[in-house]
């Protein structure tokens, strides 16, 4: 039952990733349309920081990070679990993937939060 729930979540995050990644690409790569900026201005660091200060962007980044990490790491776990490991080693692999995922998620949240609170010039 647990595996069924984990696999179902793995499949359910696909449309979430598609929508959030589509929104991300639209806002980042079509900035001249959405923000009335030149392409050069849209690519400037100060513009990226200004977009990063938007609470909506912050939430999208965190949701995209969580969905992408879960989907990717669960898929990696599935590939590794198909190999003929001992049950103890299989549990160790699960734990290692979980710890790695939590660490990467924490780093991503930290960097996103830092960007969200970043003050230009100091």
N, C-alpha and C. Protein backbone atom coordinates (compact mmCIF):
# COMPACT_ATOMS: atom_id res chain seq x y z
N UNK A 1 0.82 -1.20 0.00
CA UNK A 1 0.00 0.00 0.00
C UNK A 1 0.87 1.27 0.00
N UNK A 2 1.95 1.25 0.79
CA UNK A 2 2.83 2.41 0.87
C UNK A 2 3.47 2.69 -0.49
N UNK A 3 3.94 1.64 -1.14
CA UNK A 3 4.56 1.81 -2.47
C UNK A 3 3.57 2.36 -3.48
N UNK A 4 2.31 1.94 -3.38
CA UNK A 4 1.28 2.43 -4.30
C UNK A 4 1.08 3.93 -4.11
N UNK A 5 1.07 4.38 -2.86
CA UNK A 5 0.92 5.83 -2.60
C UNK A 5 2.12 6.61 -3.09
N UNK A 6 3.32 6.08 -2.86
CA UNK A 6 4.53 6.76 -3.32
C UNK A 6 4.56 6.85 -4.84
N UNK A 7 4.19 5.74 -5.52
CA UNK A 7 4.18 5.73 -6.98
C UNK A 7 3.10 6.67 -7.50
N UNK A 8 1.93 6.68 -6.88
CA UNK A 8 0.85 7.58 -7.31
C UNK A 8 1.28 9.04 -7.19
N UNK A 9 1.95 9.37 -6.10
CA UNK A 9 2.46 10.74 -5.94
C UNK A 9 3.49 11.05 -7.02
N UNK A 10 4.32 10.07 -7.34
CA UNK A 10 5.32 10.22 -8.40
C UNK A 10 4.65 10.59 -9.73
N UNK A 11 3.53 9.97 -10.02
CA UNK A 11 2.79 10.25 -11.25
C UNK A 11 2.03 11.58 -11.14
N UNK A 12 1.48 11.87 -9.98
CA UNK A 12 0.69 13.10 -9.81
C UNK A 12 1.52 14.38 -9.88
N UNK A 13 2.81 14.30 -9.58
CA UNK A 13 3.63 15.51 -9.65
C UNK A 13 3.98 15.88 -11.08
N UNK A 14 3.78 14.97 -12.04
CA UNK A 14 4.11 15.29 -13.43
C UNK A 14 3.33 16.49 -13.94
N UNK A 15 1.98 16.54 -13.82
CA UNK A 15 1.28 17.74 -14.29
C UNK A 15 1.65 19.00 -13.50
N UNK A 16 1.97 18.82 -12.22
CA UNK A 16 2.40 19.98 -11.41
C UNK A 16 3.70 20.53 -11.97
N UNK A 17 4.64 19.65 -12.29
CA UNK A 17 5.92 20.07 -12.87
C UNK A 17 5.68 20.76 -14.21
N UNK A 18 4.83 20.17 -15.04
CA UNK A 18 4.57 20.76 -16.36
C UNK A 18 3.99 22.17 -16.25
N UNK A 19 3.03 22.35 -15.36
CA UNK A 19 2.40 23.67 -15.21
C UNK A 19 3.40 24.68 -14.63
N UNK A 20 4.09 24.29 -13.55
CA UNK A 20 5.02 25.23 -12.92
C UNK A 20 6.22 25.53 -13.81
N UNK A 21 6.74 24.51 -14.48
CA UNK A 21 7.87 24.74 -15.38
C UNK A 21 7.44 25.59 -16.57
N UNK A 22 6.23 25.35 -17.07
CA UNK A 22 5.71 26.19 -18.16
C UNK A 22 5.57 27.64 -17.73
N UNK A 23 5.04 27.85 -16.52
CA UNK A 23 4.91 29.22 -16.00
C UNK A 23 6.29 29.84 -15.81
N UNK A 24 7.23 29.07 -15.29
CA UNK A 24 8.59 29.57 -15.08
C UNK A 24 9.22 29.98 -16.41
N UNK A 25 9.14 29.10 -17.41
CA UNK A 25 9.71 29.44 -18.72
C UNK A 25 9.02 30.66 -19.32
N UNK A 26 7.72 30.72 -19.20
CA UNK A 26 6.98 31.86 -19.76
C UNK A 26 7.43 33.16 -19.13
N UNK A 27 7.55 33.17 -17.81
CA UNK A 27 7.93 34.41 -17.12
C UNK A 27 9.40 34.76 -17.32
N UNK A 28 10.26 33.75 -17.39
CA UNK A 28 11.69 34.02 -17.53
C UNK A 28 12.09 34.32 -18.97
N UNK A 29 11.54 33.58 -19.91
CA UNK A 29 12.00 33.69 -21.29
C UNK A 29 11.14 34.57 -22.17
N UNK A 30 9.97 34.92 -21.68
CA UNK A 30 9.10 35.83 -22.41
C UNK A 30 8.85 37.10 -21.60
N UNK A 31 9.85 37.49 -20.82
CA UNK A 31 9.76 38.68 -20.00
C UNK A 31 9.43 39.93 -20.80
N UNK A 32 9.93 40.09 -22.03
CA UNK A 32 9.56 41.29 -22.78
C UNK A 32 8.05 41.40 -22.99
N UNK A 33 7.37 40.28 -23.07
CA UNK A 33 5.92 40.30 -23.25
C UNK A 33 5.22 40.59 -21.93
N UNK A 34 5.62 39.89 -20.85
CA UNK A 34 4.93 40.01 -19.57
C UNK A 34 5.29 41.27 -18.80
N UNK A 35 6.56 41.69 -18.89
CA UNK A 35 7.02 42.82 -18.09
C UNK A 35 7.35 44.06 -18.92
N UNK A 36 7.16 44.02 -20.21
CA UNK A 36 7.49 45.14 -21.11
C UNK A 36 8.95 45.57 -20.94
N UNK A 37 9.83 44.57 -20.89
CA UNK A 37 11.27 44.83 -20.75
C UNK A 37 11.98 44.38 -22.02
N UNK A 38 13.14 44.99 -22.25
CA UNK A 38 13.97 44.49 -23.35
C UNK A 38 14.58 43.16 -22.91
N UNK A 39 15.02 42.38 -23.86
CA UNK A 39 15.63 41.08 -23.54
C UNK A 39 16.85 41.29 -22.66
N UNK A 40 17.66 42.30 -22.96
CA UNK A 40 18.87 42.57 -22.17
C UNK A 40 18.51 42.93 -20.73
N UNK A 41 17.50 43.78 -20.55
CA UNK A 41 17.08 44.18 -19.20
C UNK A 41 16.50 42.98 -18.45
N UNK A 42 15.77 42.12 -19.13
CA UNK A 42 15.17 40.95 -18.49
C UNK A 42 16.22 39.99 -17.97
N UNK A 43 17.41 39.99 -18.56
CA UNK A 43 18.48 39.07 -18.17
C UNK A 43 19.41 39.64 -17.11
N UNK A 44 19.23 40.91 -16.74
CA UNK A 44 20.11 41.52 -15.74
C UNK A 44 19.88 40.92 -14.36
N UNK A 45 20.95 40.90 -13.57
CA UNK A 45 20.88 40.35 -12.22
C UNK A 45 19.87 41.09 -11.37
N UNK A 46 19.84 42.40 -11.47
CA UNK A 46 18.90 43.19 -10.65
C UNK A 46 17.45 42.86 -10.99
N UNK A 47 17.17 42.58 -12.25
CA UNK A 47 15.82 42.20 -12.66
C UNK A 47 15.45 40.83 -12.10
N UNK A 48 16.43 39.92 -12.13
CA UNK A 48 16.19 38.58 -11.57
C UNK A 48 15.91 38.66 -10.07
N UNK A 49 16.66 39.49 -9.37
CA UNK A 49 16.44 39.65 -7.93
C UNK A 49 15.06 40.29 -7.68
N UNK A 50 14.69 41.26 -8.49
CA UNK A 50 13.37 41.89 -8.33
C UNK A 50 12.25 40.87 -8.54
N UNK A 51 12.39 40.00 -9.54
CA UNK A 51 11.39 38.95 -9.74
C UNK A 51 11.40 37.98 -8.57
N UNK A 52 12.57 37.67 -8.05
CA UNK A 52 12.70 36.75 -6.93
C UNK A 52 12.07 37.26 -5.66
N UNK A 53 11.89 38.57 -5.54
CA UNK A 53 11.25 39.15 -4.36
C UNK A 53 9.74 39.02 -4.37
N UNK A 54 9.17 38.61 -5.49
CA UNK A 54 7.73 38.43 -5.59
C UNK A 54 7.34 37.14 -4.86
N UNK A 55 6.36 37.23 -3.96
CA UNK A 55 5.96 36.06 -3.17
C UNK A 55 5.43 34.94 -4.07
N UNK A 56 4.78 35.29 -5.15
CA UNK A 56 4.30 34.27 -6.08
C UNK A 56 5.44 33.49 -6.69
N UNK A 57 6.48 34.20 -7.10
CA UNK A 57 7.67 33.53 -7.66
C UNK A 57 8.32 32.63 -6.60
N UNK A 58 8.38 33.11 -5.38
CA UNK A 58 8.97 32.34 -4.29
C UNK A 58 8.23 31.02 -4.11
N UNK A 59 6.91 31.09 -4.08
CA UNK A 59 6.09 29.88 -3.91
C UNK A 59 6.26 28.94 -5.10
N UNK A 60 6.28 29.49 -6.31
CA UNK A 60 6.46 28.66 -7.51
C UNK A 60 7.82 27.96 -7.46
N UNK A 61 8.87 28.67 -7.07
CA UNK A 61 10.20 28.07 -7.00
C UNK A 61 10.21 26.90 -6.01
N UNK A 62 9.63 27.10 -4.84
CA UNK A 62 9.64 26.05 -3.81
C UNK A 62 8.81 24.85 -4.26
N UNK A 63 7.63 25.10 -4.83
CA UNK A 63 6.80 23.99 -5.30
C UNK A 63 7.48 23.23 -6.44
N UNK A 64 8.10 23.96 -7.35
CA UNK A 64 8.80 23.32 -8.47
C UNK A 64 9.99 22.51 -7.95
N UNK A 65 10.70 23.04 -6.99
CA UNK A 65 11.82 22.32 -6.39
C UNK A 65 11.34 21.04 -5.74
N UNK A 66 10.28 21.12 -4.93
CA UNK A 66 9.77 19.94 -4.23
C UNK A 66 9.27 18.89 -5.23
N UNK A 67 8.49 19.32 -6.20
CA UNK A 67 7.92 18.37 -7.17
C UNK A 67 9.02 17.73 -8.02
N UNK A 68 9.95 18.52 -8.49
CA UNK A 68 11.04 18.00 -9.32
C UNK A 68 11.95 17.06 -8.55
N UNK A 69 12.28 17.44 -7.32
CA UNK A 69 13.12 16.57 -6.50
C UNK A 69 12.43 15.24 -6.20
N UNK A 70 11.17 15.31 -5.82
CA UNK A 70 10.47 14.07 -5.51
C UNK A 70 10.40 13.17 -6.74
N UNK A 71 10.02 13.74 -7.85
CA UNK A 71 9.87 12.94 -9.07
C UNK A 71 11.21 12.31 -9.47
N UNK A 72 12.25 13.11 -9.48
CA UNK A 72 13.57 12.62 -9.88
C UNK A 72 14.16 11.60 -8.92
N UNK A 73 14.05 11.89 -7.63
CA UNK A 73 14.66 10.97 -6.66
C UNK A 73 13.85 9.68 -6.51
N UNK A 74 12.54 9.77 -6.63
CA UNK A 74 11.74 8.54 -6.57
C UNK A 74 12.04 7.67 -7.80
N UNK A 75 12.21 8.30 -8.94
CA UNK A 75 12.58 7.55 -10.14
C UNK A 75 13.95 6.91 -10.00
N UNK A 76 14.91 7.64 -9.43
CA UNK A 76 16.24 7.09 -9.19
C UNK A 76 16.17 5.92 -8.21
N UNK A 77 15.38 6.09 -7.18
CA UNK A 77 15.18 5.01 -6.21
C UNK A 77 14.61 3.77 -6.89
N UNK A 78 13.65 3.96 -7.77
CA UNK A 78 13.05 2.84 -8.48
C UNK A 78 14.06 2.09 -9.33
N UNK A 79 14.93 2.83 -9.99
CA UNK A 79 15.97 2.20 -10.82
C UNK A 79 16.94 1.43 -9.93
N UNK A 80 17.37 2.04 -8.83
CA UNK A 80 18.32 1.37 -7.94
C UNK A 80 17.70 0.16 -7.25
N UNK A 81 16.42 0.24 -6.93
CA UNK A 81 15.76 -0.88 -6.23
C UNK A 81 15.54 -2.08 -7.15
N UNK A 82 15.66 -1.91 -8.44
CA UNK A 82 15.53 -3.05 -9.36
C UNK A 82 16.77 -3.93 -9.36
N UNK A 83 17.87 -3.41 -8.85
CA UNK A 83 19.09 -4.20 -8.78
C UNK A 83 18.98 -5.19 -7.62
N UNK A 84 19.72 -6.28 -7.69
CA UNK A 84 19.58 -7.33 -6.66
C UNK A 84 20.33 -7.01 -5.36
N UNK A 85 19.84 -6.05 -4.61
CA UNK A 85 20.44 -5.68 -3.32
C UNK A 85 19.89 -6.58 -2.22
N UNK A 86 20.62 -6.67 -1.15
CA UNK A 86 20.08 -7.32 0.05
C UNK A 86 19.03 -6.37 0.64
N UNK A 87 18.08 -6.88 1.40
CA UNK A 87 17.06 -5.99 2.00
C UNK A 87 17.67 -4.88 2.85
N UNK A 88 18.74 -5.19 3.57
CA UNK A 88 19.37 -4.16 4.42
C UNK A 88 19.99 -3.06 3.56
N UNK A 89 20.64 -3.45 2.47
CA UNK A 89 21.24 -2.46 1.59
C UNK A 89 20.17 -1.65 0.87
N UNK A 90 19.06 -2.28 0.51
CA UNK A 90 17.95 -1.57 -0.14
C UNK A 90 17.40 -0.50 0.80
N UNK A 91 17.27 -0.82 2.07
CA UNK A 91 16.79 0.18 3.06
C UNK A 91 17.81 1.30 3.22
N UNK A 92 19.10 0.95 3.17
CA UNK A 92 20.14 1.97 3.27
C UNK A 92 20.10 2.91 2.06
N UNK A 93 19.84 2.36 0.88
CA UNK A 93 19.69 3.18 -0.32
C UNK A 93 18.50 4.13 -0.17
N UNK A 94 17.38 3.60 0.33
CA UNK A 94 16.21 4.44 0.56
C UNK A 94 16.55 5.59 1.51
N UNK A 95 17.24 5.27 2.60
CA UNK A 95 17.61 6.29 3.59
C UNK A 95 18.56 7.32 2.98
N UNK A 96 19.53 6.85 2.19
CA UNK A 96 20.47 7.76 1.55
C UNK A 96 19.78 8.72 0.59
N UNK A 97 18.84 8.20 -0.19
CA UNK A 97 18.09 9.06 -1.12
C UNK A 97 17.24 10.06 -0.35
N UNK A 98 16.63 9.62 0.74
CA UNK A 98 15.81 10.53 1.56
C UNK A 98 16.67 11.64 2.16
N UNK A 99 17.81 11.30 2.72
CA UNK A 99 18.70 12.31 3.31
C UNK A 99 19.21 13.27 2.25
N UNK A 100 19.61 12.72 1.10
CA UNK A 100 20.08 13.56 -0.01
C UNK A 100 18.97 14.52 -0.45
N UNK A 101 17.75 14.01 -0.61
CA UNK A 101 16.62 14.84 -1.03
C UNK A 101 16.33 15.95 -0.04
N UNK A 102 16.34 15.63 1.24
CA UNK A 102 16.08 16.64 2.27
C UNK A 102 17.18 17.70 2.25
N UNK A 103 18.43 17.26 2.10
CA UNK A 103 19.55 18.22 2.06
C UNK A 103 19.45 19.15 0.86
N UNK A 104 19.16 18.61 -0.31
CA UNK A 104 19.05 19.44 -1.51
C UNK A 104 17.84 20.37 -1.41
N UNK A 105 16.73 19.87 -0.87
CA UNK A 105 15.56 20.72 -0.70
C UNK A 105 15.87 21.86 0.27
N UNK A 106 16.54 21.54 1.39
CA UNK A 106 16.89 22.58 2.36
C UNK A 106 17.81 23.63 1.73
N UNK A 107 18.79 23.18 0.94
CA UNK A 107 19.68 24.12 0.26
C UNK A 107 18.90 24.99 -0.73
N UNK A 108 18.00 24.38 -1.49
CA UNK A 108 17.19 25.14 -2.44
C UNK A 108 16.30 26.17 -1.76
N UNK A 109 15.68 25.78 -0.65
CA UNK A 109 14.84 26.72 0.10
C UNK A 109 15.69 27.85 0.66
N UNK A 110 16.86 27.52 1.19
CA UNK A 110 17.76 28.54 1.74
C UNK A 110 18.15 29.55 0.66
N UNK A 111 18.59 29.07 -0.50
CA UNK A 111 19.01 29.96 -1.58
C UNK A 111 17.84 30.80 -2.07
N UNK A 112 16.66 30.20 -2.20
CA UNK A 112 15.48 30.93 -2.65
C UNK A 112 15.08 31.98 -1.61
N UNK A 113 15.12 31.61 -0.35
CA UNK A 113 14.80 32.56 0.72
C UNK A 113 15.80 33.70 0.75
N UNK A 114 17.08 33.38 0.57
CA UNK A 114 18.12 34.41 0.55
C UNK A 114 17.85 35.38 -0.61
N UNK A 115 17.51 34.84 -1.77
CA UNK A 115 17.20 35.69 -2.93
C UNK A 115 15.98 36.54 -2.66
N UNK A 116 14.97 35.94 -2.05
CA UNK A 116 13.73 36.64 -1.74
C UNK A 116 13.98 37.82 -0.80
N UNK A 117 14.94 37.68 0.10
CA UNK A 117 15.25 38.73 1.08
C UNK A 117 16.47 39.54 0.72
N UNK A 118 17.04 39.32 -0.44
CA UNK A 118 18.28 39.98 -0.84
C UNK A 118 18.07 41.48 -1.02
N UNK A 119 18.96 42.25 -0.47
CA UNK A 119 18.92 43.71 -0.64
C UNK A 119 20.09 44.12 -1.54
N UNK A 120 19.80 44.73 -2.65
CA UNK A 120 20.85 45.17 -3.56
C UNK A 120 21.72 46.22 -2.88
N UNK A 121 23.01 46.08 -3.05
CA UNK A 121 23.94 47.04 -2.51
C UNK A 121 24.25 46.83 -1.04
N UNK A 122 23.87 45.71 -0.46
CA UNK A 122 24.27 45.48 0.92
C UNK A 122 23.18 44.91 1.69
